[in-house]
């Protein structure tokens, strides 16, 4: 009855915490940001599009779509992809805060009802010198992670503090909000 529209292993690990049976289906959508689209609207749109993209294959299901953007100085910073870009991202974040916006959509493919939200989470970075950044990147190699860190791993050592309602949102799936959405559809986790 529950489908996670995602190819992210991190989202699967988070959803596993709820102990509900679910299927996974990777959506095939264009994840480009539209010209002039705000980061908030961007993650909301992609979350909804991911859920809708798999709906035809799952006509009587609750489908979870989620997407995330890291925002520094109003600009979306994506996954670095390589060592040099990760160094630049962490150097730019040093001593500053980065806002993570995690979109969440729960789509009922039987009724067509949609619940959509964007959950903010702010990361305040320590002052990071070049040697610290290099040591971190050599150890964890977070090149596929927005913001160039893994908060669920050694990346926690880069932070001065975290600010938000749900630490799961930082990893990529806001479980507290998802539990509420599921309850609205009659799925009680506990």
C-alpha atoms as a PDB file:
ATOM      1  CA  UNK A   1       0.000   0.000   0.000  1.00  0.00           C
ATOM      2  CA  UNK A   2       2.985   2.326   0.560  1.00  0.00           C
ATOM      3  CA  UNK A   3       5.494   3.256  -2.159  1.00  0.00           C
ATOM      4  CA  UNK A   4       8.673   5.306  -1.823  1.00  0.00           C
ATOM      5  CA  UNK A   5       9.296   7.124  -5.113  1.00  0.00           C
ATOM      6  CA  UNK A   6      13.051   7.433  -4.701  1.00  0.00           C
ATOM      7  CA  UNK A   7      16.375   5.928  -5.663  1.00  0.00           C
ATOM      8  CA  UNK A   8      18.016   7.194  -2.454  1.00  0.00           C
ATOM      9  CA  UNK A   9      19.343   4.539  -0.066  1.00  0.00           C
ATOM     10  CA  UNK A  10      19.262   7.168   2.702  1.00  0.00           C
ATOM     11  CA  UNK A  11      15.523   7.683   2.283  1.00  0.00           C
ATOM     12  CA  UNK A  12      14.970   3.923   2.385  1.00  0.00           C
ATOM     13  CA  UNK A  13      16.950   3.680   5.618  1.00  0.00           C
ATOM     14  CA  UNK A  14      14.885   6.482   7.131  1.00  0.00           C
ATOM     15  CA  UNK A  15      11.565   4.985   6.047  1.00  0.00           C
ATOM     16  CA  UNK A  16      12.654   1.646   7.525  1.00  0.00           C
ATOM     17  CA  UNK A  17      12.555   3.330  10.951  1.00  0.00           C
ATOM     18  CA  UNK A  18       8.744   3.429  10.786  1.00  0.00           C
ATOM     19  CA  UNK A  19       8.513  -0.351  10.452  1.00  0.00           C
ATOM     20  CA  UNK A  20       5.868  -0.194   7.717  1.00  0.00           C
ATOM     21  CA  UNK A  21       5.950  -2.435   4.648  1.00  0.00           C
ATOM     22  CA  UNK A  22       6.615  -0.508   1.453  1.00  0.00           C
ATOM     23  CA  UNK A  23       7.874  -0.832  -2.081  1.00  0.00           C
ATOM     24  CA  UNK A  24      10.476   1.309  -3.805  1.00  0.00           C
ATOM     25  CA  UNK A  25      10.177   2.692  -7.313  1.00  0.00           C
ATOM     26  CA  UNK A  26      12.696   5.139  -8.719  1.00  0.00           C
ATOM     27  CA  UNK A  27      10.927   7.989 -10.531  1.00  0.00           C
ATOM     28  CA  UNK A  28      12.195   9.101 -13.898  1.00  0.00           C
ATOM     29  CA  UNK A  29      11.827  12.884 -13.923  1.00  0.00           C
ATOM     30  CA  UNK A  30      13.834  15.895 -14.971  1.00  0.00           C
ATOM     31  CA  UNK A  31      15.260  17.325 -11.746  1.00  0.00           C
ATOM     32  CA  UNK A  32      16.359  20.625 -13.259  1.00  0.00           C
ATOM     33  CA  UNK A  33      15.421  23.822 -11.494  1.00  0.00           C
ATOM     34  CA  UNK A  34      13.118  26.085 -13.474  1.00  0.00           C
ATOM     35  CA  UNK A  35      14.345  29.589 -14.225  1.00  0.00           C
ATOM     36  CA  UNK A  36      13.392  31.945 -11.381  1.00  0.00           C
ATOM     37  CA  UNK A  37      12.034  29.087  -9.248  1.00  0.00           C
ATOM     38  CA  UNK A  38      12.628  29.605  -5.532  1.00  0.00           C
ATOM     39  CA  UNK A  39      14.433  26.815  -3.636  1.00  0.00           C
ATOM     40  CA  UNK A  40      11.226  26.228  -1.639  1.00  0.00           C
ATOM     41  CA  UNK A  41       9.081  25.873  -4.771  1.00  0.00           C
ATOM     42  CA  UNK A  42      11.782  23.747  -6.405  1.00  0.00           C
ATOM     43  CA  UNK A  43      11.799  21.012  -3.737  1.00  0.00           C
ATOM     44  CA  UNK A  44       8.010  21.111  -3.382  1.00  0.00           C
ATOM     45  CA  UNK A  45       7.569  20.645  -7.141  1.00  0.00           C
ATOM     46  CA  UNK A  46      10.108  17.831  -7.407  1.00  0.00           C
ATOM     47  CA  UNK A  47       8.615  16.000  -4.425  1.00  0.00           C
ATOM     48  CA  UNK A  48       5.180  16.094  -6.031  1.00  0.00           C
ATOM     49  CA  UNK A  49       6.513  15.173  -9.484  1.00  0.00           C
ATOM     50  CA  UNK A  50       8.374  12.168  -8.068  1.00  0.00           C
ATOM     51  CA  UNK A  51       5.210  10.846  -6.435  1.00  0.00           C
ATOM     52  CA  UNK A  52       3.101  11.436  -9.554  1.00  0.00           C
ATOM     53  CA  UNK A  53       5.729   9.858 -11.827  1.00  0.00           C
ATOM     54  CA  UNK A  54       5.189   6.408 -10.331  1.00  0.00           C
ATOM     55  CA  UNK A  55       1.435   6.713  -9.700  1.00  0.00           C
ATOM     56  CA  UNK A  56       0.369   4.916 -12.893  1.00  0.00           C
ATOM     57  CA  UNK A  57       2.300   1.834 -11.807  1.00  0.00           C
ATOM     58  CA  UNK A  58       0.699   1.940  -8.354  1.00  0.00           C
ATOM     59  CA  UNK A  59      -2.981   2.892  -8.802  1.00  0.00           C
ATOM     60  CA  UNK A  60      -4.179   2.104  -5.243  1.00  0.00           C
ATOM     61  CA  UNK A  61      -1.256   3.206  -3.135  1.00  0.00           C
ATOM     62  CA  UNK A  62       0.079   5.960  -0.938  1.00  0.00           C
ATOM     63  CA  UNK A  63       3.154   7.275  -2.699  1.00  0.00           C
ATOM     64  CA  UNK A  64       5.904   9.208  -0.962  1.00  0.00           C
ATOM     65  CA  UNK A  65       7.937  11.693  -2.965  1.00  0.00           C
ATOM     66  CA  UNK A  66      10.742  13.745  -1.448  1.00  0.00           C
ATOM     67  CA  UNK A  67      13.483  16.051  -2.596  1.00  0.00           C
ATOM     68  CA  UNK A  68      16.013  18.277  -0.883  1.00  0.00           C
ATOM     69  CA  UNK A  69      17.991  21.419  -1.590  1.00  0.00           C
ATOM     70  CA  UNK A  70      20.802  23.001   0.373  1.00  0.00           C
ATOM     71  CA  UNK A  71      20.677  26.791   0.260  1.00  0.00           C
ATOM     72  CA  UNK A  72      23.544  29.189   0.983  1.00  0.00           C
ATOM     73  CA  UNK A  73      23.090  32.916   0.401  1.00  0.00           C
ATOM     74  CA  UNK A  74      19.810  32.233  -1.384  1.00  0.00           C
ATOM     75  CA  UNK A  75      21.481  29.933  -3.926  1.00  0.00           C
ATOM     76  CA  UNK A  76      20.928  26.192  -4.197  1.00  0.00           C
ATOM     77  CA  UNK A  77      24.118  24.221  -3.720  1.00  0.00           C
ATOM     78  CA  UNK A  78      23.789  20.723  -5.054  1.00  0.00           C
ATOM     79  CA  UNK A  79      25.731  17.515  -4.740  1.00  0.00           C
ATOM     80  CA  UNK A  80      29.384  18.284  -5.386  1.00  0.00           C
ATOM     81  CA  UNK A  81      30.138  15.212  -7.477  1.00  0.00           C
ATOM     82  CA  UNK A  82      33.893  15.470  -6.948  1.00  0.00           C
ATOM     83  CA  UNK A  83      36.582  16.364  -4.421  1.00  0.00           C
ATOM     84  CA  UNK A  84      37.369  19.893  -5.636  1.00  0.00           C
ATOM     85  CA  UNK A  85      33.747  21.031  -5.657  1.00  0.00           C
ATOM     86  CA  UNK A  86      33.205  19.490  -2.219  1.00  0.00           C
ATOM     87  CA  UNK A  87      36.200  21.462  -0.895  1.00  0.00           C
ATOM     88  CA  UNK A  88      34.719  24.673  -2.276  1.00  0.00           C
ATOM     89  CA  UNK A  89      31.278  23.955  -0.807  1.00  0.00           C
ATOM     90  CA  UNK A  90      32.661  23.275   2.673  1.00  0.00           C
ATOM     91  CA  UNK A  91      34.972  26.298   2.517  1.00  0.00           C
ATOM     92  CA  UNK A  92      32.007  28.481   1.547  1.00  0.00           C
ATOM     93  CA  UNK A  93      29.940  27.058   4.439  1.00  0.00           C
ATOM     94  CA  UNK A  94      32.725  27.508   7.005  1.00  0.00           C
ATOM     95  CA  UNK A  95      31.529  29.590   9.963  1.00  0.00           C
ATOM     96  CA  UNK A  96      28.140  30.097   8.331  1.00  0.00           C
ATOM     97  CA  UNK A  97      24.753  28.423   8.214  1.00  0.00           C
ATOM     98  CA  UNK A  98      23.209  26.445   5.387  1.00  0.00           C
ATOM     99  CA  UNK A  99      19.453  26.003   5.097  1.00  0.00           C
ATOM    100  CA  UNK A 100      18.224  22.596   3.997  1.00  0.00           C
ATOM    101  CA  UNK A 101      14.747  22.468   2.531  1.00  0.00           C
ATOM    102  CA  UNK A 102      13.241  19.000   2.289  1.00  0.00           C
ATOM    103  CA  UNK A 103      10.084  18.625   0.259  1.00  0.00           C
ATOM    104  CA  UNK A 104       7.645  15.881   1.159  1.00  0.00           C
ATOM    105  CA  UNK A 105       4.610  14.743  -0.813  1.00  0.00           C
ATOM    106  CA  UNK A 106       2.173  11.973   0.074  1.00  0.00           C
ATOM    107  CA  UNK A 107      -0.023  11.195  -2.902  1.00  0.00           C
ATOM    108  CA  UNK A 108      -3.018   8.863  -2.688  1.00  0.00           C
ATOM    109  CA  UNK A 109      -3.201   7.399  -6.185  1.00  0.00           C
ATOM    110  CA  UNK A 110      -6.682   5.951  -5.552  1.00  0.00           C
ATOM    111  CA  UNK A 111      -8.324   9.218  -4.474  1.00  0.00           C
ATOM    112  CA  UNK A 112      -5.974  11.731  -6.079  1.00  0.00           C
ATOM    113  CA  UNK A 113      -5.478  13.568  -2.784  1.00  0.00           C
ATOM    114  CA  UNK A 114      -2.103  15.204  -2.253  1.00  0.00           C
ATOM    115  CA  UNK A 115      -0.412  16.380   0.916  1.00  0.00           C
ATOM    116  CA  UNK A 116       2.640  18.548   0.331  1.00  0.00           C
ATOM    117  CA  UNK A 117       5.024  20.290   2.698  1.00  0.00           C
ATOM    118  CA  UNK A 118       8.561  21.653   2.837  1.00  0.00           C
ATOM    119  CA  UNK A 119      10.439  21.102   6.080  1.00  0.00           C
ATOM    120  CA  UNK A 120      13.355  23.469   6.865  1.00  0.00           C
ATOM    121  CA  UNK A 121      16.469  22.486   8.780  1.00  0.00           C
ATOM    122  CA  UNK A 122      19.451  24.772   9.395  1.00  0.00           C
ATOM    123  CA  UNK A 123      23.044  23.621   9.833  1.00  0.00           C
ATOM    124  CA  UNK A 124      25.505  25.993  11.533  1.00  0.00           C
ATOM    125  CA  UNK A 125      29.064  25.109  10.548  1.00  0.00           C
ATOM    126  CA  UNK A 126      32.163  25.448  12.673  1.00  0.00           C
ATOM    127  CA  UNK A 127      35.020  27.488  11.244  1.00  0.00           C
ATOM    128  CA  UNK A 128      36.743  24.960   9.008  1.00  0.00           C
ATOM    129  CA  UNK A 129      40.344  25.333   7.924  1.00  0.00           C
ATOM    130  CA  UNK A 130      41.644  23.779   4.733  1.00  0.00           C
ATOM    131  CA  UNK A 131      43.331  20.873   6.539  1.00  0.00           C
ATOM    132  CA  UNK A 132      40.130  19.963   8.425  1.00  0.00           C
ATOM    133  CA  UNK A 133      38.125  20.014   5.217  1.00  0.00           C
ATOM    134  CA  UNK A 134      40.704  17.852   3.452  1.00  0.00           C
ATOM    135  CA  UNK A 135      40.832  15.284   6.299  1.00  0.00           C
ATOM    136  CA  UNK A 136      37.055  15.072   6.384  1.00  0.00           C
ATOM    137  CA  UNK A 137      36.700  14.619   2.637  1.00  0.00           C
ATOM    138  CA  UNK A 138      39.413  11.964   2.525  1.00  0.00           C
ATOM    139  CA  UNK A 139      37.665   9.974   5.256  1.00  0.00           C
ATOM    140  CA  UNK A 140      34.027  10.226   4.216  1.00  0.00           C
ATOM    141  CA  UNK A 141      34.015  11.218   0.509  1.00  0.00           C
ATOM    142  CA  UNK A 142      30.473  12.707   0.560  1.00  0.00           C
ATOM    143  CA  UNK A 143      30.494  13.633  -3.118  1.00  0.00           C
ATOM    144  CA  UNK A 144      26.908  12.474  -3.680  1.00  0.00           C
ATOM    145  CA  UNK A 145      25.496  14.488  -0.764  1.00  0.00           C
ATOM    146  CA  UNK A 146      24.046  17.982  -0.964  1.00  0.00           C
ATOM    147  CA  UNK A 147      26.301  20.328   0.976  1.00  0.00           C
ATOM    148  CA  UNK A 148      29.269  17.904   0.847  1.00  0.00           C
ATOM    149  CA  UNK A 149      28.710  16.124   4.164  1.00  0.00           C
ATOM    150  CA  UNK A 150      26.967  13.169   5.770  1.00  0.00           C
ATOM    151  CA  UNK A 151      25.323  14.329   8.980  1.00  0.00           C
ATOM    152  CA  UNK A 152      24.592  10.722   9.906  1.00  0.00           C
ATOM    153  CA  UNK A 153      28.330  10.047   9.842  1.00  0.00           C
ATOM    154  CA  UNK A 154      31.538  11.949  10.543  1.00  0.00           C
ATOM    155  CA  UNK A 155      30.024  15.099   9.040  1.00  0.00           C
ATOM    156  CA  UNK A 156      28.521  15.822  12.457  1.00  0.00           C
ATOM    157  CA  UNK A 157      32.015  16.979  13.517  1.00  0.00           C
ATOM    158  CA  UNK A 158      31.757  19.878  11.039  1.00  0.00           C
ATOM    159  CA  UNK A 159      28.812  21.460  12.839  1.00  0.00           C
ATOM    160  CA  UNK A 160      28.565  23.979  15.618  1.00  0.00           C
ATOM    161  CA  UNK A 161      24.848  23.323  16.030  1.00  0.00           C
ATOM    162  CA  UNK A 162      21.724  22.119  14.272  1.00  0.00           C
ATOM    163  CA  UNK A 163      18.383  23.899  14.183  1.00  0.00           C
ATOM    164  CA  UNK A 164      15.121  22.272  13.164  1.00  0.00           C
ATOM    165  CA  UNK A 165      12.157  20.188  14.189  1.00  0.00           C
ATOM    166  CA  UNK A 166      13.167  16.868  12.627  1.00  0.00           C
ATOM    167  CA  UNK A 167      16.782  15.725  12.211  1.00  0.00           C
ATOM    168  CA  UNK A 168      15.577  13.140   9.667  1.00  0.00           C
ATOM    169  CA  UNK A 169      14.759  16.035   7.341  1.00  0.00           C
ATOM    170  CA  UNK A 170      18.463  16.822   7.137  1.00  0.00           C
ATOM    171  CA  UNK A 171      19.190  13.297   5.884  1.00  0.00           C
ATOM    172  CA  UNK A 172      16.383  13.548   3.332  1.00  0.00           C
ATOM    173  CA  UNK A 173      12.986  12.381   4.627  1.00  0.00           C
ATOM    174  CA  UNK A 174      11.081  14.315   7.330  1.00  0.00           C
ATOM    175  CA  UNK A 175       9.594  11.408   9.265  1.00  0.00           C
ATOM    176  CA  UNK A 176       7.736  13.483  11.859  1.00  0.00           C
ATOM    177  CA  UNK A 177       5.735  15.216   9.128  1.00  0.00           C
ATOM    178  CA  UNK A 178       5.335  11.946   7.193  1.00  0.00           C
ATOM    179  CA  UNK A 179       3.784  10.231  10.238  1.00  0.00           C
ATOM    180  CA  UNK A 180       1.176  13.020  10.383  1.00  0.00           C
ATOM    181  CA  UNK A 181       0.471  12.745   6.658  1.00  0.00           C
ATOM    182  CA  UNK A 182       0.065   8.980   6.931  1.00  0.00           C
ATOM    183  CA  UNK A 183      -2.340   9.426   9.854  1.00  0.00           C
ATOM    184  CA  UNK A 184      -4.429  11.755   7.671  1.00  0.00           C
ATOM    185  CA  UNK A 185      -4.755   8.819   5.254  1.00  0.00           C
ATOM    186  CA  UNK A 186      -5.686   6.386   8.033  1.00  0.00           C
ATOM    187  CA  UNK A 187      -2.256   4.773   8.396  1.00  0.00           C
ATOM    188  CA  UNK A 188      -1.291   4.739  12.066  1.00  0.00           C
ATOM    189  CA  UNK A 189       2.388   3.996  12.598  1.00  0.00           C
ATOM    190  CA  UNK A 190       2.091   2.908  16.242  1.00  0.00           C
END
